[in-house]
């Protein structure tokens, strides 16, 4: 069972940036994909971005394409989500997911 610990959320003004981290412990295979989801109040959880552990393939939701970048550090077993040009509609709890494991979530609030 993989364990995931997220960090990096917070309050930021519109147009600002944040970087989320998700550190994984346990057995990870090269074809496993780490995925970021988010859930805003009153809305369903939605896909944000994903990256394969052993490849360069990355996928993004249309709503974040060009603003968010997902990357990984295989040595540290950590996946990052760099979020730039943040908008109020990016406000949500962000979760990382690997196979059947989920992180605890980290709150991102974009507000002036």
C-alpha atoms as a PDB file:
ATOM      1  CA  UNK A   1       0.000   0.000   0.000  1.00  0.00           C
ATOM      2  CA  UNK A   2       1.388   3.368  -1.050  1.00  0.00           C
ATOM      3  CA  UNK A   3       1.068   6.291   1.351  1.00  0.00           C
ATOM      4  CA  UNK A   4       0.803   9.854   0.080  1.00  0.00           C
ATOM      5  CA  UNK A   5       1.440  13.086   1.987  1.00  0.00           C
ATOM      6  CA  UNK A   6       0.580  16.429   0.409  1.00  0.00           C
ATOM      7  CA  UNK A   7       1.814  19.891   1.279  1.00  0.00           C
ATOM      8  CA  UNK A   8       2.024  23.381  -0.152  1.00  0.00           C
ATOM      9  CA  UNK A   9      -1.523  24.690  -0.127  1.00  0.00           C
ATOM     10  CA  UNK A  10      -2.508  28.103   1.156  1.00  0.00           C
ATOM     11  CA  UNK A  11      -4.088  31.460   0.422  1.00  0.00           C
ATOM     12  CA  UNK A  12      -2.948  33.372  -2.641  1.00  0.00           C
ATOM     13  CA  UNK A  13      -4.200  36.376  -4.584  1.00  0.00           C
ATOM     14  CA  UNK A  14      -5.513  36.011  -8.131  1.00  0.00           C
ATOM     15  CA  UNK A  15      -2.610  35.831 -10.545  1.00  0.00           C
ATOM     16  CA  UNK A  16      -0.331  34.357  -7.916  1.00  0.00           C
ATOM     17  CA  UNK A  17       1.454  31.030  -7.751  1.00  0.00           C
ATOM     18  CA  UNK A  18       1.663  28.012  -5.470  1.00  0.00           C
ATOM     19  CA  UNK A  19       3.510  24.717  -5.641  1.00  0.00           C
ATOM     20  CA  UNK A  20       1.943  21.585  -4.233  1.00  0.00           C
ATOM     21  CA  UNK A  21       3.986  18.529  -3.291  1.00  0.00           C
ATOM     22  CA  UNK A  22       2.951  14.924  -2.890  1.00  0.00           C
ATOM     23  CA  UNK A  23       5.493  12.593  -1.324  1.00  0.00           C
ATOM     24  CA  UNK A  24       4.923   8.890  -1.833  1.00  0.00           C
ATOM     25  CA  UNK A  25       6.185   5.999   0.254  1.00  0.00           C
ATOM     26  CA  UNK A  26       5.905   2.371  -0.685  1.00  0.00           C
ATOM     27  CA  UNK A  27       6.334   0.397  -3.865  1.00  0.00           C
ATOM     28  CA  UNK A  28       5.948   2.446  -7.030  1.00  0.00           C
ATOM     29  CA  UNK A  29       6.237   0.965 -10.496  1.00  0.00           C
ATOM     30  CA  UNK A  30       7.426   2.808 -13.589  1.00  0.00           C
ATOM     31  CA  UNK A  31       4.047   2.579 -15.306  1.00  0.00           C
ATOM     32  CA  UNK A  32       2.153   3.896 -12.285  1.00  0.00           C
ATOM     33  CA  UNK A  33       0.594   7.297 -12.745  1.00  0.00           C
ATOM     34  CA  UNK A  34       0.386   9.997 -10.124  1.00  0.00           C
ATOM     35  CA  UNK A  35      -2.682  12.154 -10.538  1.00  0.00           C
ATOM     36  CA  UNK A  36      -3.829  15.412  -8.991  1.00  0.00           C
ATOM     37  CA  UNK A  37      -7.548  15.924  -8.436  1.00  0.00           C
ATOM     38  CA  UNK A  38      -9.406  18.802  -6.838  1.00  0.00           C
ATOM     39  CA  UNK A  39     -12.769  19.275  -5.231  1.00  0.00           C
ATOM     40  CA  UNK A  40     -14.453  22.633  -4.762  1.00  0.00           C
ATOM     41  CA  UNK A  41     -17.288  23.120  -2.253  1.00  0.00           C
ATOM     42  CA  UNK A  42     -20.528  21.665  -3.576  1.00  0.00           C
ATOM     43  CA  UNK A  43     -18.841  20.169  -6.642  1.00  0.00           C
ATOM     44  CA  UNK A  44     -17.621  16.747  -7.641  1.00  0.00           C
ATOM     45  CA  UNK A  45     -13.957  15.829  -7.512  1.00  0.00           C
ATOM     46  CA  UNK A  46     -12.327  16.562 -10.862  1.00  0.00           C
ATOM     47  CA  UNK A  47      -9.155  15.612 -12.673  1.00  0.00           C
ATOM     48  CA  UNK A  48      -6.388  18.219 -12.796  1.00  0.00           C
ATOM     49  CA  UNK A  49      -3.190  16.603 -14.085  1.00  0.00           C
ATOM     50  CA  UNK A  50      -1.321  13.313 -14.201  1.00  0.00           C
ATOM     51  CA  UNK A  51       2.168  11.996 -14.916  1.00  0.00           C
ATOM     52  CA  UNK A  52       3.572   8.495 -15.330  1.00  0.00           C
ATOM     53  CA  UNK A  53       6.325   7.604 -12.905  1.00  0.00           C
ATOM     54  CA  UNK A  54       8.618   6.187 -15.570  1.00  0.00           C
ATOM     55  CA  UNK A  55       7.757   8.315 -18.577  1.00  0.00           C
ATOM     56  CA  UNK A  56       7.429  11.916 -19.660  1.00  0.00           C
ATOM     57  CA  UNK A  57       3.776  11.622 -20.560  1.00  0.00           C
ATOM     58  CA  UNK A  58       1.687  14.288 -18.885  1.00  0.00           C
ATOM     59  CA  UNK A  59      -1.992  15.092 -19.094  1.00  0.00           C
ATOM     60  CA  UNK A  60      -3.849  18.220 -18.049  1.00  0.00           C
ATOM     61  CA  UNK A  61      -7.439  19.295 -17.702  1.00  0.00           C
ATOM     62  CA  UNK A  62      -8.328  21.981 -20.224  1.00  0.00           C
ATOM     63  CA  UNK A  63      -9.096  24.388 -17.402  1.00  0.00           C
ATOM     64  CA  UNK A  64      -5.475  24.358 -16.169  1.00  0.00           C
ATOM     65  CA  UNK A  65      -3.533  23.756 -19.384  1.00  0.00           C
ATOM     66  CA  UNK A  66      -0.862  26.393 -19.856  1.00  0.00           C
ATOM     67  CA  UNK A  67      -1.033  27.487 -16.208  1.00  0.00           C
ATOM     68  CA  UNK A  68      -0.231  24.334 -14.221  1.00  0.00           C
ATOM     69  CA  UNK A  69       2.766  22.055 -14.598  1.00  0.00           C
ATOM     70  CA  UNK A  70       3.097  18.578 -13.126  1.00  0.00           C
ATOM     71  CA  UNK A  71       6.559  17.156 -12.533  1.00  0.00           C
ATOM     72  CA  UNK A  72       8.234  14.451 -10.500  1.00  0.00           C
ATOM     73  CA  UNK A  73      11.427  13.719  -8.624  1.00  0.00           C
ATOM     74  CA  UNK A  74      12.015   9.980  -8.739  1.00  0.00           C
ATOM     75  CA  UNK A  75      14.804  10.149  -6.180  1.00  0.00           C
ATOM     76  CA  UNK A  76      12.596  11.891  -3.615  1.00  0.00           C
ATOM     77  CA  UNK A  77       9.473   9.938  -4.694  1.00  0.00           C
ATOM     78  CA  UNK A  78       7.691  13.254  -4.931  1.00  0.00           C
ATOM     79  CA  UNK A  79       5.350  14.736  -7.504  1.00  0.00           C
ATOM     80  CA  UNK A  80       4.837  18.478  -7.761  1.00  0.00           C
ATOM     81  CA  UNK A  81       2.057  20.644  -9.133  1.00  0.00           C
ATOM     82  CA  UNK A  82       3.270  24.131 -10.011  1.00  0.00           C
ATOM     83  CA  UNK A  83       0.254  26.399 -10.281  1.00  0.00           C
ATOM     84  CA  UNK A  84       0.675  29.809 -11.923  1.00  0.00           C
ATOM     85  CA  UNK A  85      -1.786  32.538 -12.884  1.00  0.00           C
ATOM     86  CA  UNK A  86      -4.195  31.251 -10.282  1.00  0.00           C
ATOM     87  CA  UNK A  87      -7.853  32.177 -10.532  1.00  0.00           C
ATOM     88  CA  UNK A  88     -10.616  32.219  -7.906  1.00  0.00           C
ATOM     89  CA  UNK A  89     -12.158  29.208  -9.638  1.00  0.00           C
ATOM     90  CA  UNK A  90      -9.026  27.207  -8.799  1.00  0.00           C
ATOM     91  CA  UNK A  91     -10.073  27.333  -5.146  1.00  0.00           C
ATOM     92  CA  UNK A  92     -10.496  23.742  -3.959  1.00  0.00           C
ATOM     93  CA  UNK A  93      -9.030  20.980  -1.872  1.00  0.00           C
ATOM     94  CA  UNK A  94      -6.336  19.329  -3.954  1.00  0.00           C
ATOM     95  CA  UNK A  95      -5.671  15.591  -3.635  1.00  0.00           C
ATOM     96  CA  UNK A  96      -2.956  13.400  -5.077  1.00  0.00           C
ATOM     97  CA  UNK A  97      -3.758   9.859  -6.087  1.00  0.00           C
ATOM     98  CA  UNK A  98      -1.649   6.812  -6.933  1.00  0.00           C
ATOM     99  CA  UNK A  99      -3.493   3.572  -7.720  1.00  0.00           C
ATOM    100  CA  UNK A 100      -5.932   3.122  -4.828  1.00  0.00           C
ATOM    101  CA  UNK A 101      -4.148   5.514  -2.450  1.00  0.00           C
ATOM    102  CA  UNK A 102      -5.167   9.103  -1.777  1.00  0.00           C
ATOM    103  CA  UNK A 103      -3.477  11.893   0.094  1.00  0.00           C
ATOM    104  CA  UNK A 104      -5.198  13.783   2.882  1.00  0.00           C
ATOM    105  CA  UNK A 105      -5.834  16.838   0.708  1.00  0.00           C
ATOM    106  CA  UNK A 106      -4.457  20.364   0.868  1.00  0.00           C
ATOM    107  CA  UNK A 107      -6.566  23.521   0.675  1.00  0.00           C
ATOM    108  CA  UNK A 108      -5.871  26.074  -2.034  1.00  0.00           C
ATOM    109  CA  UNK A 109      -7.741  29.369  -1.764  1.00  0.00           C
ATOM    110  CA  UNK A 110      -7.432  32.059  -4.433  1.00  0.00           C
ATOM    111  CA  UNK A 111      -8.909  35.309  -3.225  1.00  0.00           C
ATOM    112  CA  UNK A 112      -8.134  39.002  -2.984  1.00  0.00           C
END
